[in-house]
Amino acid sequence: MTTKNEMAEQAAEMIGATLLRLHSETGLPLDCILAGAHAEVITLMTSTLGGPITAHCCEQAAERVRTLPSLDAVSLAFSEPAGRA
């Protein structure tokens, strides 16, 4: 039997793949796609779960990601220096 957490993980994987496909097929900047997806997700969460639960979920998510760097920042931190300083 599939649990709700497993179904949520499957949905997250499908949504991520769809967003990346949308980026590659349309050429829209990924940050714009993510902003639009975020707006839609928050709207659907609010209409389905209500404002207080949506706010609580967003606050919990913010706490988990607040200090995480972007992939670009990580790549820069681990890149080899080029040339001489």
N, C-alpha and C. Protein backbone atom coordinates (compact mmCIF):
# COMPACT_ATOMS: atom_id res chain seq x y z
N MET A 1 0.84 -1.17 0.00
CA MET A 1 0.00 0.00 0.00
C MET A 1 0.89 1.25 0.00
N THR A 2 0.53 2.21 -0.80
CA THR A 2 1.29 3.45 -0.91
C THR A 2 0.78 4.45 0.13
N THR A 3 1.72 5.03 0.87
CA THR A 3 1.34 6.01 1.89
C THR A 3 1.21 7.39 1.25
N LYS A 4 0.60 8.30 1.99
CA LYS A 4 0.47 9.68 1.48
C LYS A 4 1.83 10.32 1.28
N ASN A 5 2.79 10.02 2.17
CA ASN A 5 4.14 10.57 1.99
C ASN A 5 4.77 10.05 0.70
N GLU A 6 4.60 8.78 0.41
CA GLU A 6 5.14 8.21 -0.83
C GLU A 6 4.47 8.84 -2.05
N MET A 7 3.17 9.03 -1.97
CA MET A 7 2.45 9.68 -3.08
C MET A 7 2.91 11.12 -3.25
N ALA A 8 3.16 11.81 -2.14
CA ALA A 8 3.65 13.19 -2.22
C ALA A 8 5.04 13.24 -2.86
N GLU A 9 5.89 12.29 -2.52
CA GLU A 9 7.23 12.23 -3.13
C GLU A 9 7.13 11.96 -4.62
N GLN A 10 6.24 11.05 -5.02
CA GLN A 10 6.05 10.77 -6.44
C GLN A 10 5.55 12.02 -7.17
N ALA A 11 4.59 12.72 -6.56
CA ALA A 11 4.07 13.95 -7.17
C ALA A 11 5.17 14.99 -7.30
N ALA A 12 6.00 15.14 -6.26
CA ALA A 12 7.09 16.11 -6.30
C ALA A 12 8.06 15.81 -7.44
N GLU A 13 8.38 14.54 -7.62
CA GLU A 13 9.28 14.16 -8.71
C GLU A 13 8.67 14.49 -10.07
N MET A 14 7.38 14.19 -10.24
CA MET A 14 6.71 14.49 -11.50
C MET A 14 6.62 15.99 -11.75
N ILE A 15 6.32 16.76 -10.71
CA ILE A 15 6.24 18.21 -10.86
C ILE A 15 7.60 18.79 -11.22
N GLY A 16 8.65 18.33 -10.55
CA GLY A 16 10.00 18.80 -10.86
C GLY A 16 10.37 18.52 -12.30
N ALA A 17 10.08 17.31 -12.76
CA ALA A 17 10.39 16.95 -14.14
C ALA A 17 9.59 17.80 -15.12
N THR A 18 8.34 18.08 -14.78
CA THR A 18 7.49 18.89 -15.65
C THR A 18 8.01 20.33 -15.73
N LEU A 19 8.44 20.88 -14.59
CA LEU A 19 8.97 22.24 -14.60
C LEU A 19 10.24 22.33 -15.44
N LEU A 20 11.12 21.35 -15.31
CA LEU A 20 12.34 21.35 -16.12
C LEU A 20 12.03 21.18 -17.60
N ARG A 21 11.04 20.35 -17.92
CA ARG A 21 10.63 20.17 -19.32
C ARG A 21 10.05 21.48 -19.87
N LEU A 22 9.24 22.15 -19.08
CA LEU A 22 8.67 23.44 -19.49
C LEU A 22 9.79 24.43 -19.79
N HIS A 23 10.81 24.45 -18.94
CA HIS A 23 11.96 25.33 -19.16
C HIS A 23 12.67 24.99 -20.47
N SER A 24 12.93 23.71 -20.70
CA SER A 24 13.68 23.33 -21.90
C SER A 24 12.85 23.51 -23.17
N GLU A 25 11.55 23.30 -23.08
CA GLU A 25 10.71 23.40 -24.28
C GLU A 25 10.32 24.83 -24.63
N THR A 26 10.20 25.70 -23.65
CA THR A 26 9.76 27.07 -23.92
C THR A 26 10.89 28.08 -23.92
N GLY A 27 11.99 27.75 -23.23
CA GLY A 27 13.08 28.69 -23.10
C GLY A 27 12.83 29.77 -22.06
N LEU A 28 11.68 29.69 -21.37
CA LEU A 28 11.42 30.65 -20.30
C LEU A 28 12.48 30.47 -19.21
N PRO A 29 12.92 31.56 -18.61
CA PRO A 29 13.91 31.44 -17.52
C PRO A 29 13.35 30.61 -16.38
N LEU A 30 14.19 29.75 -15.83
CA LEU A 30 13.75 28.85 -14.77
C LEU A 30 13.23 29.61 -13.56
N ASP A 31 13.85 30.75 -13.23
CA ASP A 31 13.35 31.50 -12.08
C ASP A 31 11.94 32.02 -12.30
N CYS A 32 11.59 32.37 -13.53
CA CYS A 32 10.22 32.82 -13.84
C CYS A 32 9.24 31.66 -13.75
N ILE A 33 9.64 30.50 -14.24
CA ILE A 33 8.79 29.31 -14.14
C ILE A 33 8.56 28.97 -12.68
N LEU A 34 9.61 28.99 -11.88
CA LEU A 34 9.48 28.67 -10.46
C LEU A 34 8.59 29.67 -9.74
N ALA A 35 8.71 30.95 -10.07
CA ALA A 35 7.86 31.97 -9.44
C ALA A 35 6.39 31.72 -9.78
N GLY A 36 6.12 31.41 -11.03
CA GLY A 36 4.74 31.12 -11.43
C GLY A 36 4.21 29.85 -10.77
N ALA A 37 5.05 28.83 -10.71
CA ALA A 37 4.64 27.58 -10.07
C ALA A 37 4.39 27.81 -8.58
N HIS A 38 5.25 28.59 -7.94
CA HIS A 38 5.08 28.90 -6.52
C HIS A 38 3.74 29.59 -6.28
N ALA A 39 3.42 30.58 -7.11
CA ALA A 39 2.15 31.29 -6.97
C ALA A 39 0.97 30.34 -7.11
N GLU A 40 1.04 29.44 -8.08
CA GLU A 40 -0.05 28.48 -8.29
C GLU A 40 -0.17 27.51 -7.13
N VAL A 41 0.96 27.01 -6.65
CA VAL A 41 0.94 26.05 -5.54
C VAL A 41 0.35 26.70 -4.29
N ILE A 42 0.78 27.91 -3.98
CA ILE A 42 0.28 28.59 -2.79
C ILE A 42 -1.22 28.86 -2.93
N THR A 43 -1.67 29.26 -4.11
CA THR A 43 -3.09 29.49 -4.34
C THR A 43 -3.90 28.21 -4.15
N LEU A 44 -3.42 27.11 -4.73
CA LEU A 44 -4.13 25.83 -4.58
C LEU A 44 -4.10 25.32 -3.15
N MET A 45 -2.96 25.48 -2.48
CA MET A 45 -2.89 25.07 -1.08
C MET A 45 -3.88 25.86 -0.23
N THR A 46 -3.94 27.17 -0.46
CA THR A 46 -4.84 28.01 0.33
C THR A 46 -6.29 27.65 0.08
N SER A 47 -6.65 27.42 -1.18
CA SER A 47 -8.05 27.09 -1.46
C SER A 47 -8.41 25.68 -0.99
N THR A 48 -7.43 24.79 -0.88
CA THR A 48 -7.69 23.42 -0.44
C THR A 48 -7.57 23.26 1.07
N LEU A 49 -6.52 23.82 1.64
CA LEU A 49 -6.22 23.60 3.06
C LEU A 49 -6.59 24.77 3.96
N GLY A 50 -6.73 25.96 3.37
CA GLY A 50 -6.99 27.16 4.15
C GLY A 50 -5.72 27.93 4.42
N GLY A 51 -5.88 29.20 4.75
CA GLY A 51 -4.75 30.07 4.97
C GLY A 51 -3.84 29.68 6.13
N PRO A 52 -4.41 29.35 7.31
CA PRO A 52 -3.54 29.03 8.45
C PRO A 52 -2.66 27.80 8.21
N ILE A 53 -3.19 26.75 7.63
CA ILE A 53 -2.39 25.55 7.39
C ILE A 53 -1.36 25.84 6.30
N THR A 54 -1.76 26.56 5.26
CA THR A 54 -0.81 26.91 4.20
C THR A 54 0.33 27.74 4.76
N ALA A 55 0.01 28.73 5.58
CA ALA A 55 1.05 29.56 6.18
C ALA A 55 1.98 28.72 7.05
N HIS A 56 1.42 27.82 7.82
CA HIS A 56 2.24 26.95 8.67
C HIS A 56 3.19 26.10 7.83
N CYS A 57 2.68 25.51 6.76
CA CYS A 57 3.52 24.68 5.87
C CYS A 57 4.63 25.52 5.24
N CYS A 58 4.31 26.72 4.81
CA CYS A 58 5.31 27.59 4.19
C CYS A 58 6.37 28.03 5.21
N GLU A 59 5.93 28.31 6.43
CA GLU A 59 6.88 28.70 7.47
C GLU A 59 7.83 27.55 7.81
N GLN A 60 7.29 26.33 7.89
CA GLN A 60 8.15 25.16 8.15
C GLN A 60 9.15 24.96 7.01
N ALA A 61 8.68 25.09 5.77
CA ALA A 61 9.57 24.93 4.62
C ALA A 61 10.64 26.01 4.62
N ALA A 62 10.27 27.24 4.96
CA ALA A 62 11.24 28.34 5.00
C ALA A 62 12.33 28.06 6.02
N GLU A 63 11.97 27.53 7.16
CA GLU A 63 12.97 27.21 8.19
C GLU A 63 13.97 26.16 7.69
N ARG A 64 13.49 25.20 6.91
CA ARG A 64 14.37 24.13 6.42
C ARG A 64 15.31 24.60 5.32
N VAL A 65 14.92 25.61 4.55
CA VAL A 65 15.74 26.01 3.40
C VAL A 65 16.45 27.34 3.58
N ARG A 66 16.14 28.07 4.62
CA ARG A 66 16.63 29.44 4.79
C ARG A 66 18.15 29.57 4.61
N THR A 67 18.94 28.64 5.09
CA THR A 67 20.40 28.77 5.04
C THR A 67 21.06 27.97 3.91
N LEU A 68 20.26 27.34 3.06
CA LEU A 68 20.84 26.54 1.98
C LEU A 68 21.31 27.43 0.83
N PRO A 69 22.49 27.16 0.28
CA PRO A 69 22.99 27.95 -0.85
C PRO A 69 22.38 27.45 -2.17
N SER A 70 22.49 28.28 -3.18
CA SER A 70 22.06 27.86 -4.52
C SER A 70 23.12 26.94 -5.12
N LEU A 71 22.77 26.24 -6.18
CA LEU A 71 23.75 25.38 -6.87
C LEU A 71 24.89 26.21 -7.43
N ASP A 72 24.58 27.41 -7.93
CA ASP A 72 25.63 28.29 -8.45
C ASP A 72 26.63 28.66 -7.36
N ALA A 73 26.13 28.96 -6.17
CA ALA A 73 27.03 29.32 -5.07
C ALA A 73 27.90 28.14 -4.67
N VAL A 74 27.34 26.94 -4.64
CA VAL A 74 28.11 25.75 -4.29
C VAL A 74 29.17 25.49 -5.36
N SER A 75 28.79 25.60 -6.62
CA SER A 75 29.75 25.38 -7.71
C SER A 75 30.90 26.35 -7.62
N LEU A 76 30.61 27.62 -7.33
CA LEU A 76 31.65 28.62 -7.23
C LEU A 76 32.58 28.32 -6.05
N ALA A 77 32.00 27.89 -4.94
CA ALA A 77 32.80 27.60 -3.74
C ALA A 77 33.78 26.45 -3.96
N PHE A 78 33.41 25.49 -4.79
CA PHE A 78 34.24 24.32 -5.00
C PHE A 78 35.05 24.36 -6.30
N SER A 79 34.94 25.46 -7.03
CA SER A 79 35.66 25.54 -8.31
C SER A 79 37.15 25.80 -8.06
N GLU A 80 37.95 25.32 -8.99
CA GLU A 80 39.40 25.52 -8.94
C GLU A 80 39.71 26.93 -9.42
N PRO A 81 40.60 27.61 -8.76
CA PRO A 81 40.99 28.95 -9.24
C PRO A 81 41.64 28.84 -10.63
N ALA A 82 41.37 29.81 -11.45
CA ALA A 82 41.97 29.84 -12.79
C ALA A 82 43.07 30.88 -12.83
N GLY A 83 44.18 30.56 -13.40
CA GLY A 83 45.27 31.51 -13.52
C GLY A 83 45.97 31.75 -12.20
N ARG A 84 46.60 32.92 -12.13
CA ARG A 84 47.34 33.29 -10.93
C ARG A 84 46.77 34.55 -10.32
N ALA A 85 46.81 34.59 -9.02
CA ALA A 85 46.31 35.80 -8.33
C ALA A 85 47.45 36.72 -8.02
